Structures are given as C-alpha cells and as structure tokens.
Protein backbone atom coordinates (compact mmCIF):
# COMPACT_ATOMS: atom_id res chain seq x y z
CA MET A 1 153.89 79.75 89.24
CA ALA A 2 152.77 77.88 86.17
CA THR A 3 156.28 76.70 85.36
CA GLU A 4 156.90 75.08 88.73
CA THR A 5 156.41 71.37 89.19
CA ALA A 6 154.44 70.12 92.15
CA ASP A 7 155.51 67.12 94.17
CA GLY A 8 152.47 65.33 95.53
CA LEU A 9 149.11 66.93 96.19
CA THR A 10 148.44 70.53 97.10
CA GLY A 11 147.13 71.29 100.56
CA HIS A 12 143.52 71.71 99.47
CA VAL A 13 143.42 68.58 97.32
CA ARG A 14 145.08 66.62 100.13
CA SER A 15 142.43 67.79 102.62
CA VAL A 16 139.56 66.99 100.28
CA THR A 17 141.00 63.55 99.54
CA VAL A 18 141.46 62.66 103.21
CA THR A 19 137.99 63.90 104.18
CA THR A 20 136.27 62.17 101.27
CA LEU A 21 137.98 58.86 101.91
CA ALA A 22 137.25 58.98 105.65
CA SER A 23 133.59 59.76 104.98
CA LEU A 24 133.18 57.06 102.36
CA MET A 25 134.91 54.48 104.52
CA GLY A 26 132.55 55.33 107.38
CA ILE A 27 129.53 54.77 105.15
CA VAL A 28 131.00 51.54 103.75
CA ALA A 29 131.67 50.31 107.29
CA ALA A 30 128.03 51.01 108.20
CA LEU A 31 126.82 49.05 105.19
CA ILE A 32 129.13 46.16 106.08
CA SER A 33 127.94 46.29 109.69
CA GLU A 34 124.32 45.95 108.63
CA TYR A 35 124.24 44.00 105.40
CA GLY A 36 127.62 42.32 105.12
CA LEU A 37 127.73 40.73 108.54
CA GLY A 38 124.10 40.68 109.55
CA ALA A 39 125.38 40.87 113.10
CA ASP A 40 123.38 41.83 116.14
CA PRO A 41 123.60 45.60 116.78
CA SER A 42 124.63 44.91 120.35
CA GLY A 43 127.53 42.71 119.23
CA ARG A 44 131.15 43.77 119.40
CA VAL A 45 132.05 42.64 115.90
CA ASN A 46 130.81 45.97 114.51
CA VAL A 47 133.49 47.81 116.48
CA PHE A 48 136.10 45.76 114.65
CA VAL A 49 134.48 46.70 111.35
CA VAL A 50 134.93 50.42 112.01
CA LEU A 51 138.44 49.90 113.38
CA GLY A 52 139.33 47.98 110.23
CA ALA A 53 137.88 50.79 108.11
CA ILE A 54 140.11 53.25 109.94
CA ALA A 55 143.22 51.08 109.63
CA VAL A 56 142.85 50.37 105.92
CA GLN A 57 142.81 54.06 105.00
CA VAL A 58 146.54 54.73 105.39
CA PRO A 59 147.58 52.39 102.53
CA ILE A 60 144.73 53.72 100.37
CA LEU A 61 145.83 57.30 101.02
CA GLN A 62 149.40 56.39 100.08
CA ALA A 63 148.14 54.82 96.84
CA LEU A 64 146.21 58.01 96.09
CA GLY A 65 149.37 60.08 96.41
CA VAL A 66 148.91 61.55 99.89
CA ASP A 67 152.17 61.73 101.82
CA THR A 68 151.23 60.03 105.08
CA GLN A 69 154.76 60.48 106.43
CA GLU A 70 153.77 64.08 107.16
CA PHE A 71 150.70 63.02 109.17
CA SER A 72 150.66 64.17 112.76
CA THR A 73 148.62 62.75 115.62
CA LYS A 74 145.96 65.33 114.83
CA ASP A 75 145.63 63.99 111.27
CA TYR A 76 145.21 60.40 112.44
CA LEU A 77 142.64 61.47 115.04
CA TYR A 78 140.78 63.42 112.37
CA VAL A 79 140.61 60.37 110.09
CA ALA A 80 139.45 58.17 112.99
CA PHE A 81 136.83 60.70 114.12
CA MET A 82 135.40 61.28 110.66
CA THR A 83 135.22 57.57 109.91
CA PHE A 84 133.61 56.78 113.26
CA SER A 85 131.13 59.66 112.97
CA LEU A 86 129.96 58.70 109.49
CA TRP A 87 129.79 55.04 110.51
CA PHE A 88 127.72 55.88 113.58
CA VAL A 89 125.28 58.19 111.80
CA SER A 90 124.91 55.95 108.74
CA TRP A 91 124.44 52.78 110.74
CA THR A 92 121.92 54.51 113.02
CA LEU A 93 119.92 55.59 109.99
CA ILE A 94 120.03 52.07 108.54
CA LEU A 95 118.95 50.50 111.84
CA THR A 96 116.14 53.05 112.26
CA ALA A 97 114.90 52.55 108.72
CA SER A 98 114.83 48.77 109.05
CA ALA A 99 112.93 48.99 112.37
CA VAL A 100 109.97 50.79 110.80
C-alpha cells in the first residue's frame, strides 16, 4: 500500500544492487589486476585481488542499505561467483587486447 513504510530495500532493488555491485567489483578487480599491479598473469597476487574484491563487498552492501544479516550461503556464493566471473572475463579481454 502507498501508506505503508518500507524498512530497507525491496526484494527487486536488493537483487539489482547486489548484482550490480558484484559485477562492478569484478570489473574493477580486473582493471587492478592489469593496470594497478602490473603483475605477471601467471602470478598468484591476482587471486588475492579478486578475493579482496569479494570480501570488501559486504561492508559496501551494508552502507548501501542491504541487510546482509539475512544473507544465506547461497547469497554469499552468488556474490563470489558473479565477482569472479566478471573478473575472469574482463581480465581475459584486457590480456587479449594487450597481446595484439
């Protein structure tokens, strides 16, 4: 109803926020892996970059108004998978483009 007050974000806005942040953090992690560190692609430091991008999302989500206390294991795995996937695809594109 229009007269009801909402506590927190609605389900749809919460989903869009989580997905957008996970995707953007994956792309940012790819840019840091390539341009920020300048590390060798075979190095292990890039794994720590993506793990850091995953870990930093929970406080950011809390600051954006998402109730992370309601997160289940599935939600955390979703955030990790989306971040890793976007990192992997973005970094692969960056490495391929710089090899040409």
